N, C-alpha and C. Protein backbone atom coordinates (compact mmCIF):
# COMPACT_ATOMS: atom_id res chain seq x y z
N MET A 1 -245.77 136.70 -1.17
CA MET A 1 -244.64 136.96 -1.26
C MET A 1 -244.05 136.01 -2.26
N GLU A 2 -243.17 136.58 -3.20
CA GLU A 2 -242.88 135.94 -4.78
C GLU A 2 -241.79 135.12 -4.21
N LYS A 3 -241.86 133.90 -5.02
CA LYS A 3 -240.87 132.74 -4.64
C LYS A 3 -239.63 133.21 -5.47
N LYS A 4 -238.57 133.08 -4.64
CA LYS A 4 -237.26 133.42 -5.62
C LYS A 4 -236.69 132.10 -6.09
N SER A 5 -236.42 132.32 -7.27
CA SER A 5 -235.65 131.24 -8.12
C SER A 5 -234.29 131.77 -8.58
N GLY A 6 -233.54 130.94 -9.21
CA GLY A 6 -232.22 131.32 -9.68
C GLY A 6 -231.34 130.74 -8.37
N PHE A 7 -230.27 131.45 -8.66
CA PHE A 7 -229.11 131.22 -7.94
C PHE A 7 -229.22 131.62 -6.36
N MET A 8 -229.95 132.59 -5.99
CA MET A 8 -230.06 133.10 -4.69
C MET A 8 -231.19 132.22 -3.98
N GLY A 9 -232.44 132.02 -4.91
CA GLY A 9 -233.45 131.28 -4.27
C GLY A 9 -232.82 129.75 -3.81
N GLU A 10 -231.97 129.11 -4.90
CA GLU A 10 -231.65 127.71 -4.51
C GLU A 10 -230.61 127.86 -3.29
N PHE A 11 -229.64 128.80 -3.06
CA PHE A 11 -228.88 129.06 -2.04
C PHE A 11 -229.73 129.11 -0.57
N LYS A 12 -230.70 130.03 -0.77
CA LYS A 12 -231.53 130.00 0.47
C LYS A 12 -232.18 128.61 0.86
N LYS A 13 -232.57 127.82 -0.18
CA LYS A 13 -232.96 126.60 -0.15
C LYS A 13 -232.33 125.65 0.61
N PHE A 14 -230.94 125.77 0.12
CA PHE A 14 -230.01 125.11 0.67
C PHE A 14 -229.47 125.47 2.04
N ILE A 15 -229.45 126.47 2.18
CA ILE A 15 -228.81 127.04 3.85
C ILE A 15 -229.85 126.89 4.71
N MET A 16 -231.07 126.91 4.17
CA MET A 16 -232.24 126.69 5.41
C MET A 16 -232.44 125.31 5.63
N ARG A 17 -231.92 124.41 4.98
CA ARG A 17 -231.86 122.99 5.61
C ARG A 17 -231.72 122.73 6.77
N GLY A 18 -232.44 121.65 7.40
CA GLY A 18 -231.95 121.42 8.89
C GLY A 18 -230.40 120.98 9.09
N ASN A 19 -230.04 119.94 8.09
CA ASN A 19 -228.75 119.40 8.43
C ASN A 19 -227.47 120.40 8.09
N VAL A 20 -228.01 121.45 7.28
CA VAL A 20 -226.65 122.50 7.03
C VAL A 20 -226.87 123.29 8.31
N ILE A 21 -227.82 123.79 8.95
CA ILE A 21 -227.96 124.68 10.33
C ILE A 21 -227.24 123.81 11.42
N ASP A 22 -227.60 122.32 11.38
CA ASP A 22 -226.82 121.46 12.51
C ASP A 22 -225.43 121.45 12.06
N LEU A 23 -225.06 121.33 10.82
CA LEU A 23 -223.55 121.22 10.59
C LEU A 23 -222.98 122.58 10.99
N ALA A 24 -223.32 123.63 10.65
CA ALA A 24 -222.80 124.84 11.14
C ALA A 24 -222.84 125.14 12.69
N VAL A 25 -223.97 124.70 13.27
CA VAL A 25 -223.65 124.52 14.96
C VAL A 25 -222.70 123.49 15.26
N GLY A 26 -222.28 122.52 14.65
CA GLY A 26 -221.44 121.55 15.07
C GLY A 26 -220.24 122.12 14.73
N VAL A 27 -219.89 122.73 13.76
CA VAL A 27 -218.46 123.39 13.63
C VAL A 27 -218.11 124.73 14.69
N ILE A 28 -219.19 125.22 14.84
CA ILE A 28 -218.95 126.34 15.68
C ILE A 28 -218.69 125.78 17.10
N VAL A 29 -219.39 124.95 17.57
CA VAL A 29 -219.22 124.37 18.92
C VAL A 29 -217.86 123.49 18.89
N GLY A 30 -217.80 122.82 17.84
CA GLY A 30 -216.27 122.09 17.60
C GLY A 30 -215.17 123.05 17.74
N GLY A 31 -215.17 123.97 17.27
CA GLY A 31 -214.14 125.03 17.31
C GLY A 31 -213.91 125.48 18.59
N ALA A 32 -214.96 125.72 19.28
CA ALA A 32 -215.03 126.12 20.80
C ALA A 32 -214.26 125.12 21.52
N PHE A 33 -214.76 124.03 21.28
CA PHE A 33 -214.27 122.63 22.18
C PHE A 33 -213.03 122.39 21.91
N GLN A 34 -212.33 122.79 20.44
CA GLN A 34 -211.02 122.47 20.11
C GLN A 34 -210.26 123.38 20.93
N ALA A 35 -210.61 124.69 21.29
CA ALA A 35 -209.93 125.61 22.03
C ALA A 35 -209.78 125.02 23.44
N ILE A 36 -210.59 124.50 23.94
CA ILE A 36 -210.63 124.05 25.24
C ILE A 36 -209.69 123.00 25.41
N VAL A 37 -209.70 122.01 24.31
CA VAL A 37 -208.74 120.72 24.44
C VAL A 37 -207.32 121.37 24.46
N LYS A 38 -207.21 122.41 23.47
CA LYS A 38 -205.75 122.96 23.10
C LYS A 38 -205.35 123.30 24.37
N SER A 39 -206.02 124.17 25.38
CA SER A 39 -205.83 124.83 26.39
C SER A 39 -205.26 123.66 27.49
N LEU A 40 -206.32 122.70 27.29
CA LEU A 40 -206.00 121.39 28.25
C LEU A 40 -204.65 120.95 28.02
N VAL A 41 -204.43 120.64 26.72
CA VAL A 41 -202.87 120.12 26.25
C VAL A 41 -201.95 121.10 26.64
N ASP A 42 -201.93 122.22 26.20
CA ASP A 42 -200.98 123.41 26.52
C ASP A 42 -200.75 123.55 27.82
N ASP A 43 -201.72 123.84 28.77
CA ASP A 43 -201.71 124.21 30.12
C ASP A 43 -201.68 123.25 31.01
N ILE A 44 -202.04 122.18 30.79
CA ILE A 44 -202.18 121.12 32.10
C ILE A 44 -201.35 119.77 31.42
N VAL A 45 -201.72 119.17 30.37
CA VAL A 45 -200.80 117.71 29.92
C VAL A 45 -199.70 118.24 29.93
N MET A 46 -199.05 119.06 29.13
CA MET A 46 -197.74 118.98 28.37
C MET A 46 -196.93 119.63 29.67
N PRO A 47 -197.32 120.44 30.77
CA PRO A 47 -196.33 120.81 31.79
C PRO A 47 -196.20 119.36 32.74
N VAL A 48 -197.27 118.59 32.70
CA VAL A 48 -197.05 117.50 33.53
C VAL A 48 -196.06 116.56 32.85
N ILE A 49 -196.22 116.31 31.48
CA ILE A 49 -195.18 115.72 30.69
C ILE A 49 -193.78 116.26 30.87
N SER A 50 -193.85 117.47 30.77
CA SER A 50 -192.61 118.09 30.96
C SER A 50 -191.73 117.74 32.44
N LEU A 51 -192.68 117.80 33.44
CA LEU A 51 -192.33 117.41 34.70
C LEU A 51 -192.03 115.94 34.83
N ILE A 52 -192.63 114.90 34.08
CA ILE A 52 -192.21 113.63 34.28
C ILE A 52 -190.89 113.64 33.35
N THR A 53 -190.69 114.00 32.37
CA THR A 53 -189.45 113.90 31.45
C THR A 53 -188.58 114.95 31.98
N LYS A 54 -188.33 115.18 33.16
CA LYS A 54 -187.46 116.25 33.79
C LYS A 54 -187.09 117.43 32.87
N GLY A 55 -188.23 118.33 32.63
CA GLY A 55 -188.24 119.33 32.27
C GLY A 55 -188.12 119.64 30.68
N ILE A 56 -188.34 118.56 29.97
CA ILE A 56 -188.32 118.81 28.52
C ILE A 56 -189.36 119.69 27.97
N ASP A 57 -189.31 120.72 27.25
CA ASP A 57 -190.32 121.44 27.01
C ASP A 57 -190.61 121.23 25.46
N PHE A 58 -191.66 120.54 25.21
CA PHE A 58 -191.80 120.31 23.70
C PHE A 58 -192.03 121.36 22.80
N THR A 59 -192.48 122.71 23.23
CA THR A 59 -192.70 123.70 22.35
C THR A 59 -191.31 124.04 22.01
N GLU A 60 -190.33 123.65 22.55
CA GLU A 60 -188.82 124.18 22.18
C GLU A 60 -188.06 123.19 21.32
N LYS A 61 -188.76 122.06 20.96
CA LYS A 61 -188.39 120.75 20.27
C LYS A 61 -188.32 121.15 18.93
N PHE A 62 -187.28 121.25 18.36
CA PHE A 62 -187.06 121.82 16.81
C PHE A 62 -185.94 121.24 16.23
N VAL A 63 -185.91 121.15 14.93
CA VAL A 63 -184.61 120.68 14.10
C VAL A 63 -184.52 122.17 13.12
N ALA A 64 -183.50 122.62 13.13
CA ALA A 64 -182.93 123.75 12.20
C ALA A 64 -182.31 123.09 11.07
N LEU A 65 -183.12 123.39 9.90
CA LEU A 65 -182.69 122.75 8.32
C LEU A 65 -181.41 123.43 7.95
N ASP A 66 -180.84 124.26 8.54
CA ASP A 66 -179.60 125.02 7.99
C ASP A 66 -178.18 124.36 8.61
N GLY A 67 -178.68 123.32 9.52
CA GLY A 67 -177.39 122.71 9.94
C GLY A 67 -176.77 123.37 11.42
N VAL A 68 -177.12 124.71 11.55
CA VAL A 68 -176.60 125.33 12.70
C VAL A 68 -177.42 124.97 13.97
N ASP A 69 -176.42 124.77 15.12
CA ASP A 69 -177.34 124.64 16.47
C ASP A 69 -177.69 126.00 17.00
N TYR A 70 -179.04 126.01 17.33
CA TYR A 70 -179.55 127.18 18.06
C TYR A 70 -180.11 127.09 19.41
N ALA A 71 -179.75 127.60 20.18
CA ALA A 71 -179.87 127.47 21.65
C ALA A 71 -181.65 127.31 21.93
N THR A 72 -182.41 128.30 21.15
CA THR A 72 -183.78 128.15 21.45
C THR A 72 -184.52 128.28 19.99
N LEU A 73 -185.65 127.84 20.07
CA LEU A 73 -186.44 128.20 18.73
C LEU A 73 -186.58 129.62 18.29
N ALA A 74 -186.49 130.30 19.53
CA ALA A 74 -186.83 131.89 19.20
C ALA A 74 -185.31 132.29 18.34
N ASP A 75 -184.38 131.69 18.78
CA ASP A 75 -183.21 132.31 18.24
C ASP A 75 -182.90 131.76 16.72
N ALA A 76 -183.43 130.49 16.53
CA ALA A 76 -183.63 130.14 15.14
C ALA A 76 -184.59 130.74 14.14
N GLN A 77 -185.44 131.17 14.65
CA GLN A 77 -186.54 132.13 13.83
C GLN A 77 -185.94 133.40 13.78
N ALA A 78 -185.21 133.85 14.77
CA ALA A 78 -184.62 135.47 14.82
C ALA A 78 -183.70 135.28 13.47
N ALA A 79 -182.97 134.17 13.57
CA ALA A 79 -181.88 134.15 12.28
C ALA A 79 -182.45 133.98 10.77
N GLY A 80 -183.77 133.52 10.92
CA GLY A 80 -184.49 133.32 9.58
C GLY A 80 -184.27 131.94 9.30
N ALA A 81 -183.76 130.99 9.96
CA ALA A 81 -183.46 129.78 9.59
C ALA A 81 -184.86 129.02 9.59
N ALA A 82 -185.13 128.09 8.63
CA ALA A 82 -186.14 127.23 8.38
C ALA A 82 -185.83 126.02 9.43
N VAL A 83 -187.19 125.92 10.08
CA VAL A 83 -186.95 125.07 11.20
C VAL A 83 -188.26 123.98 11.12
N ILE A 84 -188.06 122.73 11.63
CA ILE A 84 -189.22 121.82 11.77
C ILE A 84 -189.46 121.80 13.33
N THR A 85 -190.44 122.23 13.61
CA THR A 85 -190.87 122.19 15.15
C THR A 85 -191.62 121.02 15.45
N TYR A 86 -191.06 120.04 15.65
CA TYR A 86 -191.64 118.63 15.74
C TYR A 86 -192.35 118.48 17.34
N GLY A 87 -191.98 119.63 18.09
CA GLY A 87 -192.54 119.69 19.55
C GLY A 87 -194.08 119.90 19.27
N ASN A 88 -194.21 120.80 18.51
CA ASN A 88 -195.66 121.42 18.19
C ASN A 88 -196.36 120.08 17.56
N PHE A 89 -195.78 119.52 16.79
CA PHE A 89 -196.51 118.40 16.10
C PHE A 89 -197.00 117.18 17.20
N ILE A 90 -196.11 117.05 18.09
CA ILE A 90 -196.44 116.25 19.18
C ILE A 90 -197.57 116.83 20.06
N SER A 91 -197.57 117.92 20.34
CA SER A 91 -198.78 118.69 20.88
C SER A 91 -200.19 118.49 20.12
N ALA A 92 -199.81 118.59 18.91
CA ALA A 92 -201.18 118.56 17.97
C ALA A 92 -201.34 117.15 18.08
N LEU A 93 -200.59 116.15 18.01
CA LEU A 93 -201.10 114.90 18.24
C LEU A 93 -201.83 114.47 19.49
N ILE A 94 -201.36 115.06 20.86
CA ILE A 94 -201.95 114.68 21.68
C ILE A 94 -203.47 115.60 21.70
N ASN A 95 -203.55 116.90 21.26
CA ASN A 95 -204.55 117.32 21.15
C ASN A 95 -205.72 116.49 20.43
N PHE A 96 -205.11 116.06 19.37
CA PHE A 96 -206.11 114.83 18.25
C PHE A 96 -206.67 113.92 19.18
N PHE A 97 -205.53 113.27 19.94
CA PHE A 97 -206.09 111.94 20.56
C PHE A 97 -207.10 112.22 21.75
N ILE A 98 -206.77 113.30 22.38
CA ILE A 98 -207.79 113.69 23.45
C ILE A 98 -209.17 114.12 22.96
N MET A 99 -209.21 114.79 21.68
CA MET A 99 -210.52 115.27 21.14
C MET A 99 -211.17 113.95 20.43
N ALA A 100 -210.53 112.99 20.11
CA ALA A 100 -210.97 111.73 19.31
C ALA A 100 -211.69 111.20 20.52
N PHE A 101 -210.77 110.77 21.78
CA PHE A 101 -211.45 110.23 22.91
C PHE A 101 -212.78 110.90 23.43
N VAL A 102 -212.62 112.00 23.51
CA VAL A 102 -213.91 112.83 24.26
C VAL A 102 -214.98 112.56 23.32
N ILE A 103 -214.69 112.79 21.78
CA ILE A 103 -215.92 112.59 20.85
C ILE A 103 -216.57 111.27 21.04
N PHE A 104 -215.38 110.33 21.04
CA PHE A 104 -215.87 108.90 21.05
C PHE A 104 -216.85 108.72 22.42
N CYS A 105 -216.37 109.15 23.54
CA CYS A 105 -216.97 109.07 24.75
C CYS A 105 -218.56 109.65 24.47
N LEU A 106 -218.48 110.88 24.11
CA LEU A 106 -219.69 111.69 23.73
C LEU A 106 -220.81 110.90 22.84
N VAL A 107 -220.15 110.44 21.90
CA VAL A 107 -221.20 109.67 20.84
C VAL A 107 -221.60 108.62 21.56
N LYS A 108 -220.49 107.69 22.26
CA LYS A 108 -221.15 106.54 22.98
C LYS A 108 -222.18 106.88 23.92
N SER A 109 -221.87 107.70 24.87
CA SER A 109 -223.16 108.19 25.75
C SER A 109 -224.40 108.63 25.10
N ILE A 110 -224.36 109.22 24.08
CA ILE A 110 -225.44 109.69 23.11
C ILE A 110 -226.29 108.53 22.62
N ASN A 111 -225.55 107.54 22.24
CA ASN A 111 -226.22 106.16 21.80
C ASN A 111 -226.69 105.49 22.76
N THR A 112 -226.11 105.35 23.94
CA THR A 112 -226.63 104.51 24.85
C THR A 112 -227.88 105.27 25.66
N ILE A 113 -227.82 106.55 25.68
CA ILE A 113 -229.07 107.36 26.07
C ILE A 113 -230.15 107.04 24.99
N SER A 114 -229.84 107.14 23.80
CA SER A 114 -230.86 106.90 22.90
C SER A 114 -231.49 105.55 22.80
N GLU A 115 -230.59 104.62 23.01
CA GLU A 115 -231.16 103.27 22.96
C GLU A 115 -231.97 103.07 24.39
N LYS A 116 -231.70 103.75 25.43
CA LYS A 116 -232.54 103.63 26.49
C LYS A 116 -234.04 104.27 26.47
N THR A 117 -233.85 105.39 25.75
CA THR A 117 -235.07 106.25 25.73
C THR A 117 -235.97 105.99 24.59
N SER A 118 -235.32 105.17 23.28
CA SER A 118 -236.43 104.99 22.54
C SER A 118 -237.13 103.74 22.75
N LYS A 119 -238.54 103.78 22.32
CA LYS A 119 -239.05 102.62 22.84
C LYS A 119 -239.05 101.66 21.52
N LYS A 120 -238.66 100.51 21.91
CA LYS A 120 -238.32 99.42 21.13
C LYS A 120 -239.85 98.91 20.66
N GLU A 121 -239.99 98.92 19.51
CA GLU A 121 -241.43 98.17 18.97
C GLU A 121 -241.08 96.87 18.83
N GLU A 122 -241.85 95.89 19.55
CA GLU A 122 -241.95 94.67 19.20
C GLU A 122 -242.57 94.29 18.18
N GLU A 123 -241.85 93.35 17.42
CA GLU A 123 -242.51 92.99 16.12
C GLU A 123 -243.70 91.86 16.50
N ALA A 124 -244.47 92.05 15.76
CA ALA A 124 -245.70 91.10 16.00
C ALA A 124 -245.19 89.80 15.38
N PRO A 125 -245.72 88.70 15.79
CA PRO A 125 -245.17 87.37 15.18
C PRO A 125 -245.80 87.14 13.88
N ALA A 126 -245.21 86.64 12.99
CA ALA A 126 -245.60 86.77 11.59
C ALA A 126 -246.65 85.48 11.60
N GLU A 127 -247.77 85.57 10.73
CA GLU A 127 -248.67 84.76 10.73
C GLU A 127 -248.24 83.52 10.20
N PRO A 128 -248.72 82.31 10.64
CA PRO A 128 -248.11 81.21 10.11
C PRO A 128 -248.59 80.79 8.82
N THR A 129 -247.77 80.04 8.00
CA THR A 129 -248.00 79.93 6.75
C THR A 129 -248.12 78.25 6.59
N THR A 130 -247.96 77.56 7.66
CA THR A 130 -248.01 75.94 7.67
C THR A 130 -248.80 75.58 8.85
N LYS A 131 -249.09 74.40 8.75
CA LYS A 131 -249.73 73.72 9.93
C LYS A 131 -249.28 72.44 9.75
N VAL A 132 -249.64 71.55 10.97
CA VAL A 132 -249.20 70.17 11.01
C VAL A 132 -250.51 69.33 10.72
N CYS A 133 -250.34 68.55 10.05
CA CYS A 133 -251.31 67.21 9.79
C CYS A 133 -251.64 66.61 10.88
N PRO A 134 -252.94 66.76 11.50
CA PRO A 134 -253.34 65.94 12.74
C PRO A 134 -253.21 64.32 12.43
N TYR A 135 -252.97 63.89 11.54
CA TYR A 135 -252.97 62.36 11.19
C TYR A 135 -251.74 61.85 11.07
N CYS A 136 -250.92 62.74 10.18
CA CYS A 136 -249.37 62.03 9.79
C CYS A 136 -248.48 63.12 10.21
N GLN A 137 -248.96 63.98 10.90
CA GLN A 137 -247.74 65.10 11.38
C GLN A 137 -246.82 65.59 10.75
N SER A 138 -247.26 65.68 9.20
CA SER A 138 -246.64 66.46 8.30
C SER A 138 -246.67 67.75 8.39
N GLU A 139 -245.79 68.72 7.82
CA GLU A 139 -245.98 70.08 7.71
C GLU A 139 -246.65 70.36 6.31
N ILE A 140 -247.76 71.12 6.34
CA ILE A 140 -248.53 71.25 5.09
C ILE A 140 -248.88 72.83 5.10
N SER A 141 -249.27 73.30 4.20
CA SER A 141 -249.89 74.47 3.83
C SER A 141 -250.99 74.65 4.90
N ILE A 142 -251.14 76.10 5.21
CA ILE A 142 -252.08 76.32 6.09
C ILE A 142 -253.41 76.16 5.44
N LYS A 143 -253.57 76.49 4.17
CA LYS A 143 -254.68 76.61 3.15
C LYS A 143 -255.34 75.26 2.74
N ALA A 144 -254.42 74.06 3.20
CA ALA A 144 -254.80 72.85 2.78
C ALA A 144 -256.01 72.46 3.45
N THR A 145 -256.71 71.59 2.60
CA THR A 145 -258.02 71.16 2.96
C THR A 145 -257.92 69.38 2.92
N LYS A 146 -256.81 68.96 2.44
CA LYS A 146 -256.65 67.78 2.28
C LYS A 146 -254.96 67.47 2.48
N CYS A 147 -254.69 66.61 3.07
CA CYS A 147 -253.05 66.27 3.51
C CYS A 147 -252.53 65.59 2.20
N PRO A 148 -251.46 66.38 1.78
CA PRO A 148 -250.91 65.83 0.37
C PRO A 148 -250.25 64.70 0.83
N CYS A 149 -249.69 64.35 1.99
CA CYS A 149 -248.89 63.13 2.55
C CYS A 149 -249.80 62.03 2.76
N CYS A 150 -250.80 62.26 3.21
CA CYS A 150 -251.63 60.97 3.84
C CYS A 150 -252.97 61.11 3.19
N THR A 151 -253.34 62.03 2.67
CA THR A 151 -254.77 62.38 1.83
C THR A 151 -255.76 62.12 2.79
N SER A 152 -255.60 62.65 4.02
CA SER A 152 -256.58 62.68 5.17
C SER A 152 -257.42 64.04 4.38
N ASP A 153 -258.87 64.01 4.90
CA ASP A 153 -259.70 65.31 4.75
C ASP A 153 -259.36 65.90 6.43
N LEU A 154 -259.01 67.33 6.20
CA LEU A 154 -258.53 68.24 7.07
C LEU A 154 -259.87 68.96 7.35
N ALA A 155 -260.39 68.93 8.54
CA ALA A 155 -261.13 69.68 9.12
C ALA A 155 -261.02 71.35 9.08
N GLU A 156 -261.84 72.24 8.62
CA GLU A 156 -261.57 73.64 8.57
C GLU A 156 -261.62 74.19 10.06
């Protein structure tokens, strides 16, 4: 099989690297996970918040930039008014914080499992480089045959 060179060869080499494929899988799973979190926020969290705040529907919270008071967001959009839908922004913030919290918990648990399953190699104690003179108790080089402090001959 002939080795491809040039742009297509480089592209194939790039795309077949493990980290690129891992990144692609992560993006796909992240997109699916984001849909689950969005559903959690829109279908479960926001109705509970609406119940707690006595019926406030955040998806209907907006400011019309033309200065006219519209009853609903749909009325403002039908009139062609520019609107700032800050309720949607609040929902997006909640989505972000839930997603960040779940990812934090996931990474924390993966790190904990990784630490428990990986075998920690115990470092071998380093070879000593000094010894103590038996006569004067001075610390001297391990290779010394005569103590530099008391000039005693050291037995090998």
